[in-house]
Amino acid sequence: DEIKYGPAPAFLPPGAQLAVLEGNPMGASGDFTIRLKIPD
């Protein structure tokens, strides 16, 4: 219940939600972990 989702980046079709758990997925380097929530 602590994972906060927001709109997914523009490079994904509309309707998905994304939460960044760790790192910066758009950064120049480094590990990242994200969750993507998509509808049926």
PDB file of all heavy atoms in Angstrom:
ATOM      1  N   ASP A   1       0.809  -1.225   0.000  1.00  0.00           N
ATOM      2  CA  ASP A   1       0.000   0.000   0.000  1.00  0.00           C
ATOM      3  C   ASP A   1       0.842   1.275   0.000  1.00  0.00           C
ATOM      4  O   ASP A   1       0.319   2.370  -0.140  1.00  0.00           O
ATOM      5  CB  ASP A   1      -0.968   0.004   1.189  1.00  0.00           C
ATOM      6  CG  ASP A   1      -0.269  -0.028   2.541  1.00  0.00           C
ATOM      7  OD1 ASP A   1       0.913  -0.420   2.605  1.00  0.00           O
ATOM      8  OD2 ASP A   1      -0.920   0.342   3.541  1.00  0.00           O
ATOM      9  N   GLU A   2       2.163   1.154   0.113  1.00  0.00           N
ATOM     10  CA  GLU A   2       3.052   2.316   0.077  1.00  0.00           C
ATOM     11  C   GLU A   2       3.563   2.623  -1.331  1.00  0.00           C
ATOM     12  O   GLU A   2       4.199   3.645  -1.545  1.00  0.00           O
ATOM     13  CB  GLU A   2       4.255   2.090   0.986  1.00  0.00           C
ATOM     14  CG  GLU A   2       3.913   1.978   2.448  1.00  0.00           C
ATOM     15  CD  GLU A   2       5.117   1.643   3.304  1.00  0.00           C
ATOM     16  OE1 GLU A   2       5.975   0.847   2.870  1.00  0.00           O
ATOM     17  OE2 GLU A   2       5.181   2.182   4.418  1.00  0.00           O
ATOM     18  N   ILE A   3       3.303   1.735  -2.269  1.00  0.00           N
ATOM     19  CA  ILE A   3       3.790   1.940  -3.633  1.00  0.00           C
ATOM     20  C   ILE A   3       2.839   2.900  -4.336  1.00  0.00           C
ATOM     21  O   ILE A   3       1.658   2.613  -4.494  1.00  0.00           O
ATOM     22  CB  ILE A   3       3.916   0.601  -4.384  1.00  0.00           C
ATOM     23  CG1 ILE A   3       4.958  -0.270  -3.673  1.00  0.00           C
ATOM     24  CG2 ILE A   3       4.286   0.832  -5.843  1.00  0.00           C
ATOM     25  CD1 ILE A   3       5.040  -1.682  -4.199  1.00  0.00           C
ATOM     26  N   LYS A   4       3.376   4.048  -4.721  1.00  0.00           N
ATOM     27  CA  LYS A   4       2.571   5.104  -5.340  1.00  0.00           C
ATOM     28  C   LYS A   4       2.771   5.088  -6.854  1.00  0.00           C
ATOM     29  O   LYS A   4       3.877   5.258  -7.346  1.00  0.00           O
ATOM     30  CB  LYS A   4       2.955   6.473  -4.781  1.00  0.00           C
ATOM     31  CG  LYS A   4       2.834   6.576  -3.273  1.00  0.00           C
ATOM     32  CD  LYS A   4       1.412   6.391  -2.791  1.00  0.00           C
ATOM     33  CE  LYS A   4       1.336   6.501  -1.280  1.00  0.00           C
ATOM     34  NZ  LYS A   4       0.361   5.643  -0.696  1.00  0.00           N
ATOM     35  N   TYR A   5       1.674   4.883  -7.559  1.00  0.00           N
ATOM     36  CA  TYR A   5       1.693   4.872  -9.024  1.00  0.00           C
ATOM     37  C   TYR A   5       1.315   6.245  -9.559  1.00  0.00           C
ATOM     38  O   TYR A   5       0.531   6.969  -8.945  1.00  0.00           O
ATOM     39  CB  TYR A   5       0.708   3.832  -9.560  1.00  0.00           C
ATOM     40  CG  TYR A   5       1.133   2.409  -9.327  1.00  0.00           C
ATOM     41  CD1 TYR A   5       0.793   1.747  -8.158  1.00  0.00           C
ATOM     42  CD2 TYR A   5       1.883   1.729 -10.278  1.00  0.00           C
ATOM     43  CE1 TYR A   5       1.186   0.433  -7.940  1.00  0.00           C
ATOM     44  CE2 TYR A   5       2.281   0.416 -10.070  1.00  0.00           C
ATOM     45  CZ  TYR A   5       1.924  -0.223  -8.892  1.00  0.00           C
ATOM     46  OH  TYR A   5       2.317  -1.509  -8.680  1.00  0.00           O
ATOM     47  N   GLY A   6       1.845   6.546 -10.713  1.00  0.00           N
ATOM     48  CA  GLY A   6       1.487   7.757 -11.438  1.00  0.00           C
ATOM     49  C   GLY A   6       1.372   7.399 -12.908  1.00  0.00           C
ATOM     50  O   GLY A   6       1.585   6.241 -13.296  1.00  0.00           O
ATOM     51  N   PRO A   7       1.050   8.369 -13.741  1.00  0.00           N
ATOM     52  CA  PRO A   7       0.950   8.077 -15.177  1.00  0.00           C
ATOM     53  C   PRO A   7       2.278   7.556 -15.725  1.00  0.00           C
ATOM     54  O   PRO A   7       3.344   7.991 -15.305  1.00  0.00           O
ATOM     55  CB  PRO A   7       0.613   9.438 -15.803  1.00  0.00           C
ATOM     56  CG  PRO A   7       0.180  10.304 -14.671  1.00  0.00           C
ATOM     57  CD  PRO A   7       0.802   9.768 -13.422  1.00  0.00           C
ATOM     58  N   ALA A   8       2.179   6.628 -16.656  1.00  0.00           N
ATOM     59  CA  ALA A   8       3.384   6.083 -17.297  1.00  0.00           C
ATOM     60  C   ALA A   8       3.968   7.132 -18.244  1.00  0.00           C
ATOM     61  O   ALA A   8       3.258   8.031 -18.697  1.00  0.00           O
ATOM     62  CB  ALA A   8       3.037   4.805 -18.058  1.00  0.00           C
ATOM     63  N   PRO A   9       5.257   7.024 -18.551  1.00  0.00           N
ATOM     64  CA  PRO A   9       5.882   7.978 -19.483  1.00  0.00           C
ATOM     65  C   PRO A   9       5.225   7.933 -20.857  1.00  0.00           C
ATOM     66  O   PRO A   9       4.583   6.950 -21.232  1.00  0.00           O
ATOM     67  CB  PRO A   9       7.328   7.500 -19.571  1.00  0.00           C
ATOM     68  CG  PRO A   9       7.536   6.577 -18.428  1.00  0.00           C
ATOM     69  CD  PRO A   9       6.194   6.036 -18.053  1.00  0.00           C
ATOM     70  N   ALA A  10       5.438   9.006 -21.612  1.00  0.00           N
ATOM     71  CA  ALA A  10       4.808   9.159 -22.936  1.00  0.00           C
ATOM     72  C   ALA A  10       5.239   8.094 -23.938  1.00  0.00           C
ATOM     73  O   ALA A  10       4.562   7.894 -24.945  1.00  0.00           O
ATOM     74  CB  ALA A  10       5.116  10.552 -23.489  1.00  0.00           C
ATOM     75  N   PHE A  11       6.344   7.388 -23.690  1.00  0.00           N
ATOM     76  CA  PHE A  11       6.763   6.356 -24.644  1.00  0.00           C
ATOM     77  C   PHE A  11       5.938   5.074 -24.530  1.00  0.00           C
ATOM     78  O   PHE A  11       6.121   4.145 -25.307  1.00  0.00           O
ATOM     79  CB  PHE A  11       8.264   6.057 -24.571  1.00  0.00           C
ATOM     80  CG  PHE A  11       8.772   5.574 -23.244  1.00  0.00           C
ATOM     81  CD1 PHE A  11       8.488   4.296 -22.787  1.00  0.00           C
ATOM     82  CD2 PHE A  11       9.564   6.387 -22.464  1.00  0.00           C
ATOM     83  CE1 PHE A  11       8.966   3.836 -21.577  1.00  0.00           C
ATOM     84  CE2 PHE A  11      10.062   5.942 -21.248  1.00  0.00           C
ATOM     85  CZ  PHE A  11       9.761   4.665 -20.802  1.00  0.00           C
ATOM     86  N   LEU A  12       5.008   5.017 -23.547  1.00  0.00           N
ATOM     87  CA  LEU A  12       4.082   3.890 -23.439  1.00  0.00           C
ATOM     88  C   LEU A  12       2.682   4.341 -23.838  1.00  0.00           C
ATOM     89  O   LEU A  12       2.324   5.502 -23.622  1.00  0.00           O
ATOM     90  CB  LEU A  12       4.052   3.353 -22.002  1.00  0.00           C
ATOM     91  CG  LEU A  12       5.267   2.542 -21.581  1.00  0.00           C
ATOM     92  CD1 LEU A  12       5.238   2.283 -20.082  1.00  0.00           C
ATOM     93  CD2 LEU A  12       5.325   1.227 -22.338  1.00  0.00           C
ATOM     94  N   PRO A  13       1.885   3.433 -24.395  1.00  0.00           N
ATOM     95  CA  PRO A  13       0.510   3.814 -24.742  1.00  0.00           C
ATOM     96  C   PRO A  13      -0.250   4.309 -23.508  1.00  0.00           C
ATOM     97  O   PRO A  13       0.022   3.862 -22.382  1.00  0.00           O
ATOM     98  CB  PRO A  13      -0.091   2.498 -25.270  1.00  0.00           C
ATOM     99  CG  PRO A  13       1.084   1.699 -25.733  1.00  0.00           C
ATOM    100  CD  PRO A  13       2.203   2.063 -24.796  1.00  0.00           C
ATOM    101  N   PRO A  14      -1.179   5.240 -23.691  1.00  0.00           N
ATOM    102  CA  PRO A  14      -1.946   5.767 -22.550  1.00  0.00           C
ATOM    103  C   PRO A  14      -2.713   4.657 -21.830  1.00  0.00           C
ATOM    104  O   PRO A  14      -3.114   3.665 -22.429  1.00  0.00           O
ATOM    105  CB  PRO A  14      -2.920   6.749 -23.195  1.00  0.00           C
ATOM    106  CG  PRO A  14      -2.426   6.988 -24.580  1.00  0.00           C
ATOM    107  CD  PRO A  14      -1.567   5.820 -24.958  1.00  0.00           C
ATOM    108  N   GLY A  15      -2.898   4.850 -20.523  1.00  0.00           N
ATOM    109  CA  GLY A  15      -3.682   3.901 -19.732  1.00  0.00           C
ATOM    110  C   GLY A  15      -2.877   3.136 -18.709  1.00  0.00           C
ATOM    111  O   GLY A  15      -3.430   2.563 -17.780  1.00  0.00           O
ATOM    112  N   ALA A  16      -1.563   3.117 -18.835  1.00  0.00           N
ATOM    113  CA  ALA A  16      -0.702   2.410 -17.885  1.00  0.00           C
ATOM    114  C   ALA A  16      -0.328   3.351 -16.744  1.00  0.00           C
ATOM    115  O   ALA A  16      -0.340   4.575 -16.891  1.00  0.00           O
ATOM    116  CB  ALA A  16       0.562   1.917 -18.576  1.00  0.00           C
ATOM    117  N   GLN A  17       0.002   2.752 -15.599  1.00  0.00           N
ATOM    118  CA  GLN A  17       0.510   3.504 -14.469  1.00  0.00           C
ATOM    119  C   GLN A  17       1.866   2.926 -14.085  1.00  0.00           C
ATOM    120  O   GLN A  17       2.103   1.722 -14.246  1.00  0.00           O
ATOM    121  CB  GLN A  17      -0.440   3.409 -13.281  1.00  0.00           C
ATOM    122  CG  GLN A  17      -1.778   4.070 -13.529  1.00  0.00           C
ATOM    123  CD  GLN A  17      -2.640   3.987 -12.281  1.00  0.00           C
ATOM    124  OE1 GLN A  17      -2.783   2.925 -11.691  1.00  0.00           O
ATOM    125  NE2 GLN A  17      -3.187   5.116 -11.880  1.00  0.00           N
ATOM    126  N   LEU A  18       2.735   3.780 -13.565  1.00  0.00           N
ATOM    127  CA  LEU A  18       4.094   3.363 -13.270  1.00  0.00           C
ATOM    128  C   LEU A  18       4.514   3.839 -11.880  1.00  0.00           C
ATOM    129  O   LEU A  18       4.137   4.933 -11.462  1.00  0.00           O
ATOM    130  CB  LEU A  18       5.053   3.946 -14.317  1.00  0.00           C
ATOM    131  CG  LEU A  18       6.480   3.450 -14.211  1.00  0.00           C
ATOM    132  CD1 LEU A  18       6.909   2.821 -15.524  1.00  0.00           C
ATOM    133  CD2 LEU A  18       7.401   4.590 -13.865  1.00  0.00           C
ATOM    134  N   ALA A  19       5.278   3.012 -11.186  1.00  0.00           N
ATOM    135  CA  ALA A  19       5.881   3.380  -9.902  1.00  0.00           C
ATOM    136  C   ALA A  19       7.368   3.058  -9.980  1.00  0.00           C
ATOM    137  O   ALA A  19       7.748   1.976 -10.421  1.00  0.00           O
ATOM    138  CB  ALA A  19       5.234   2.601  -8.759  1.00  0.00           C
ATOM    139  N   VAL A  20       8.180   4.007  -9.575  1.00  0.00           N
ATOM    140  CA  VAL A  20       9.625   3.780  -9.507  1.00  0.00           C
ATOM    141  C   VAL A  20       9.944   3.334  -8.087  1.00  0.00           C
ATOM    142  O   VAL A  20       9.694   4.061  -7.132  1.00  0.00           O
ATOM    143  CB  VAL A  20      10.416   5.057  -9.865  1.00  0.00           C
ATOM    144  CG1 VAL A  20      11.917   4.823  -9.700  1.00  0.00           C
ATOM    145  CG2 VAL A  20      10.099   5.508 -11.288  1.00  0.00           C
ATOM    146  N   LEU A  21      10.462   2.126  -7.953  1.00  0.00           N
ATOM    147  CA  LEU A  21      10.811   1.580  -6.641  1.00  0.00           C
ATOM    148  C   LEU A  21      12.254   1.883  -6.264  1.00  0.00           C
ATOM    149  O   LEU A  21      12.587   2.033  -5.090  1.00  0.00           O
ATOM    150  CB  LEU A  21      10.598   0.068  -6.618  1.00  0.00           C
ATOM    151  CG  LEU A  21       9.186  -0.423  -6.914  1.00  0.00           C
ATOM    152  CD1 LEU A  21       9.146  -1.936  -6.896  1.00  0.00           C
ATOM    153  CD2 LEU A  21       8.196   0.162  -5.937  1.00  0.00           C
ATOM    154  N   GLU A  22      13.103   1.946  -7.282  1.00  0.00           N
ATOM    155  CA  GLU A  22      14.525   2.094  -7.005  1.00  0.00           C
ATOM    156  C   GLU A  22      15.222   2.666  -8.219  1.00  0.00           C
ATOM    157  O   GLU A  22      14.898   2.322  -9.350  1.00  0.00           O
ATOM    158  CB  GLU A  22      15.089   0.698  -6.680  1.00  0.00           C
ATOM    159  CG  GLU A  22      16.561   0.614  -6.510  1.00  0.00           C
ATOM    160  CD  GLU A  22      17.235  -0.382  -7.430  1.00  0.00           C
ATOM    161  OE1 GLU A  22      16.582  -1.177  -8.101  1.00  0.00           O
ATOM    162  OE2 GLU A  22      18.472  -0.331  -7.474  1.00  0.00           O
ATOM    163  N   GLY A  23      16.165   3.568  -7.980  1.00  0.00           N
ATOM    164  CA  GLY A  23      16.974   4.113  -9.054  1.00  0.00           C
ATOM    165  C   GLY A  23      16.235   5.110  -9.919  1.00  0.00           C
ATOM    166  O   GLY A  23      15.156   5.588  -9.583  1.00  0.00           O
ATOM    167  N   ASN A  24      16.844   5.408 -11.050  1.00  0.00           N
ATOM    168  CA  ASN A  24      16.271   6.334 -12.024  1.00  0.00           C
ATOM    169  C   ASN A  24      16.285   5.649 -13.385  1.00  0.00           C
ATOM    170  O   ASN A  24      17.331   5.612 -14.037  1.00  0.00           O
ATOM    171  CB  ASN A  24      17.061   7.642 -12.067  1.00  0.00           C
ATOM    172  CG  ASN A  24      16.531   8.613 -13.102  1.00  0.00           C
ATOM    173  OD1 ASN A  24      15.555   8.338 -13.798  1.00  0.00           O
ATOM    174  ND2 ASN A  24      17.182   9.755 -13.220  1.00  0.00           N
ATOM    175  N   PRO A  25      15.134   5.106 -13.819  1.00  0.00           N
ATOM    176  CA  PRO A  25      15.124   4.384 -15.095  1.00  0.00           C
ATOM    177  C   PRO A  25      15.517   5.241 -16.289  1.00  0.00           C
ATOM    178  O   PRO A  25      15.973   4.720 -17.294  1.00  0.00           O
ATOM    179  CB  PRO A  25      13.680   3.883 -15.228  1.00  0.00           C
ATOM    180  CG  PRO A  25      12.890   4.608 -14.210  1.00  0.00           C
ATOM    181  CD  PRO A  25      13.826   5.132 -13.187  1.00  0.00           C
ATOM    182  N   MET A  26      15.381   6.550 -16.176  1.00  0.00           N
ATOM    183  CA  MET A  26      15.726   7.432 -17.288  1.00  0.00           C
ATOM    184  C   MET A  26      17.126   8.034 -17.119  1.00  0.00           C
ATOM    185  O   MET A  26      17.564   8.827 -17.938  1.00  0.00           O
ATOM    186  CB  MET A  26      14.697   8.561 -17.407  1.00  0.00           C
ATOM    187  CG  MET A  26      13.255   8.054 -17.532  1.00  0.00           C
ATOM    188  SD  MET A  26      13.028   6.712 -18.719  1.00  0.00           S
ATOM    189  CE  MET A  26      13.233   7.592 -20.244  1.00  0.00           C
ATOM    190  N   GLY A  27      17.828   7.649 -16.067  1.00  0.00           N
ATOM    191  CA  GLY A  27      19.179   8.160 -15.823  1.00  0.00           C
ATOM    192  C   GLY A  27      20.173   7.632 -16.844  1.00  0.00           C
ATOM    193  O   GLY A  27      19.875   6.739 -17.645  1.00  0.00           O
ATOM    194  N   ALA A  28      21.362   8.175 -16.794  1.00  0.00           N
ATOM    195  CA  ALA A  28      22.408   7.767 -17.738  1.00  0.00           C
ATOM    196  C   ALA A  28      22.946   6.376 -17.434  1.00  0.00           C
ATOM    197  O   ALA A  28      23.404   5.677 -18.333  1.00  0.00           O
ATOM    198  CB  ALA A  28      23.548   8.789 -17.705  1.00  0.00           C
ATOM    199  N   SER A  29      22.887   5.975 -16.157  1.00  0.00           N
ATOM    200  CA  SER A  29      23.372   4.647 -15.776  1.00  0.00           C
ATOM    201  C   SER A  29      22.805   4.290 -14.412  1.00  0.00           C
ATOM    202  O   SER A  29      22.155   5.096 -13.767  1.00  0.00           O
ATOM    203  CB  SER A  29      24.899   4.618 -15.747  1.00  0.00           C
ATOM    204  OG  SER A  29      25.366   5.468 -14.725  1.00  0.00           O
ATOM    205  N   GLY A  30      23.064   3.065 -13.978  1.00  0.00           N
ATOM    206  CA  GLY A  30      22.625   2.602 -12.665  1.00  0.00           C
ATOM    207  C   GLY A  30      21.460   1.638 -12.741  1.00  0.00           C
ATOM    208  O   GLY A  30      20.751   1.565 -13.748  1.00  0.00           O
ATOM    209  N   ASP A  31      21.273   0.891 -11.664  1.00  0.00           N
ATOM    210  CA  ASP A  31      20.165  -0.058 -11.566  1.00  0.00           C
ATOM    211  C   ASP A  31      18.847   0.686 -11.389  1.00  0.00           C
ATOM    212  O   ASP A  31      18.811   1.760 -10.803  1.00  0.00           O
ATOM    213  CB  ASP A  31      20.336  -0.975 -10.343  1.00  0.00           C
ATOM    214  CG  ASP A  31      21.546  -1.873 -10.447  1.00  0.00           C
ATOM    215  OD1 ASP A  31      21.947  -2.220 -11.565  1.00  0.00           O
ATOM    216  OD2 ASP A  31      22.092  -2.236  -9.384  1.00  0.00           O
ATOM    217  N   PHE A  32      17.778   0.086 -11.853  1.00  0.00           N
ATOM    218  CA  PHE A  32      16.446   0.607 -11.574  1.00  0.00           C
ATOM    219  C   PHE A  32      15.485  -0.560 -11.387  1.00  0.00           C
ATOM    220  O   PHE A  32      15.712  -1.660 -11.879  1.00  0.00           O
ATOM    221  CB  PHE A  32      15.936   1.541 -12.683  1.00  0.00           C
ATOM    222  CG  PHE A  32      15.570   0.824 -13.962  1.00  0.00           C
ATOM    223  CD1 PHE A  32      14.304   0.272 -14.138  1.00  0.00           C
ATOM    224  CD2 PHE A  32      16.487   0.684 -14.985  1.00  0.00           C
ATOM    225  CE1 PHE A  32      13.971  -0.406 -15.313  1.00  0.00           C
ATOM    226  CE2 PHE A  32      16.164   0.014 -16.161  1.00  0.00           C
ATOM    227  CZ  PHE A  32      14.903  -0.532 -16.316  1.00  0.00           C
ATOM    228  N   THR A  33      14.408  -0.297 -10.652  1.00  0.00           N
ATOM    229  CA  THR A  33      13.304  -1.245 -10.506  1.00  0.00           C
ATOM    230  C   THR A  33      12.022  -0.433 -10.585  1.00  0.00           C
ATOM    231  O   THR A  33      11.868   0.556  -9.871  1.00  0.00           O
ATOM    232  CB  THR A  33      13.363  -1.987  -9.161  1.00  0.00           C
ATOM    233  OG1 THR A  33      14.643  -2.620  -9.026  1.00  0.00           O
ATOM    234  CG2 THR A  33      12.262  -3.038  -9.071  1.00  0.00           C
ATOM    235  N   ILE A  34      11.122  -0.834 -11.468  1.00  0.00           N
ATOM    236  CA  ILE A  34       9.841  -0.155 -11.615  1.00  0.00           C
ATOM    237  C   ILE A  34       8.717  -1.176 -11.576  1.00  0.00           C
ATOM    238  O   ILE A  34       8.944  -2.379 -11.772  1.00  0.00           O
ATOM    239  CB  ILE A  34       9.741   0.651 -12.940  1.00  0.00           C
ATOM    240  CG1 ILE A  34       9.916  -0.272 -14.162  1.00  0.00           C
ATOM    241  CG2 ILE A  34      10.742   1.781 -12.963  1.00  0.00           C
ATOM    242  CD1 ILE A  34       9.693   0.403 -15.508  1.00  0.00           C
ATOM    243  N   ARG A  35       7.511  -0.714 -11.295  1.00  0.00           N
ATOM    244  CA  ARG A  35       6.315  -1.527 -11.445  1.00  0.00           C
ATOM    245  C   ARG A  35       5.413  -0.832 -12.447  1.00  0.00           C
ATOM    246  O   ARG A  35       5.215   0.375 -12.396  1.00  0.00           O
ATOM    247  CB  ARG A  35       5.593  -1.712 -10.114  1.00  0.00           C
ATOM    248  CG  ARG A  35       6.367  -2.634  -9.194  1.00  0.00           C
ATOM    249  CD  ARG A  35       5.508  -3.513  -8.383  1.00  0.00           C
ATOM    250  NE  ARG A  35       6.324  -4.390  -7.563  1.00  0.00           N
ATOM    251  CZ  ARG A  35       5.957  -4.824  -6.382  1.00  0.00           C
ATOM    252  NH1 ARG A  35       4.776  -4.486  -5.880  1.00  0.00           N
ATOM    253  NH2 ARG A  35       6.738  -5.628  -5.693  1.00  0.00           N
ATOM    254  N   LEU A  36       4.869  -1.625 -13.336  1.00  0.00           N
ATOM    255  CA  LEU A  36       3.965  -1.139 -14.368  1.00  0.00           C
ATOM    256  C   LEU A  36       2.621  -1.811 -14.163  1.00  0.00           C
ATOM    257  O   LEU A  36       2.546  -3.043 -14.128  1.00  0.00           O
ATOM    258  CB  LEU A  36       4.527  -1.471 -15.757  1.00  0.00           C
ATOM    259  CG  LEU A  36       3.753  -0.963 -16.960  1.00  0.00           C
ATOM    260  CD1 LEU A  36       3.787   0.569 -17.015  1.00  0.00           C
ATOM    261  CD2 LEU A  36       4.339  -1.548 -18.243  1.00  0.00           C
ATOM    262  N   LYS A  37       1.583  -0.994 -14.012  1.00  0.00           N
ATOM    263  CA  LYS A  37       0.226  -1.509 -13.827  1.00  0.00           C
ATOM    264  C   LYS A  37      -0.544  -1.205 -15.111  1.00  0.00           C
ATOM    265  O   LYS A  37      -0.622  -0.054 -15.537  1.00  0.00           O
ATOM    266  CB  LYS A  37      -0.449  -0.808 -12.639  1.00  0.00           C
ATOM    267  CG  LYS A  37      -1.811  -1.374 -12.281  1.00  0.00           C
ATOM    268  CD  LYS A  37      -2.524  -0.563 -11.200  1.00  0.00           C
ATOM    269  CE  LYS A  37      -1.784  -0.576  -9.895  1.00  0.00           C
ATOM    270  NZ  LYS A  37      -2.545   0.067  -8.789  1.00  0.00           N
ATOM    271  N   ILE A  38      -1.087  -2.282 -15.711  1.00  0.00           N
ATOM    272  CA  ILE A  38      -1.799  -2.112 -16.979  1.00  0.00           C
ATOM    273  C   ILE A  38      -3.206  -2.712 -16.875  1.00  0.00           C
ATOM    274  O   ILE A  38      -3.408  -3.724 -16.217  1.00  0.00           O
ATOM    275  CB  ILE A  38      -1.021  -2.738 -18.162  1.00  0.00           C
ATOM    276  CG1 ILE A  38      -0.760  -4.225 -17.949  1.00  0.00           C
ATOM    277  CG2 ILE A  38       0.293  -1.997 -18.382  1.00  0.00           C
ATOM    278  CD1 ILE A  38      -0.084  -4.923 -19.114  1.00  0.00           C
ATOM    279  N   PRO A  39      -4.178  -2.071 -17.537  1.00  0.00           N
ATOM    280  CA  PRO A  39      -5.540  -2.598 -17.499  1.00  0.00           C
ATOM    281  C   PRO A  39      -5.710  -3.800 -18.435  1.00  0.00           C
ATOM    282  O   PRO A  39      -4.859  -4.062 -19.293  1.00  0.00           O
ATOM    283  CB  PRO A  39      -6.387  -1.411 -17.967  1.00  0.00           C
ATOM    284  CG  PRO A  39      -5.464  -0.593 -18.816  1.00  0.00           C
ATOM    285  CD  PRO A  39      -4.079  -0.798 -18.249  1.00  0.00           C
ATOM    286  N   ASP A  40      -6.804  -4.504 -18.262  1.00  0.00           N
ATOM    287  CA  ASP A  40      -7.136  -5.640 -19.119  1.00  0.00           C
ATOM    288  C   ASP A  40      -7.130  -5.207 -20.586  1.00  0.00           C
ATOM    289  O   ASP A  40      -7.693  -4.168 -20.938  1.00  0.00           O
ATOM    290  CB  ASP A  40      -8.528  -6.169 -18.739  1.00  0.00           C
ATOM    291  CG  ASP A  40      -8.912  -7.411 -19.531  1.00  0.00           C
ATOM    292  OD1 ASP A  40      -8.029  -8.228 -19.824  1.00  0.00           O
ATOM    293  OD2 ASP A  40     -10.106  -7.544 -19.849  1.00  0.00           O
TER     294      ASP A  40
END
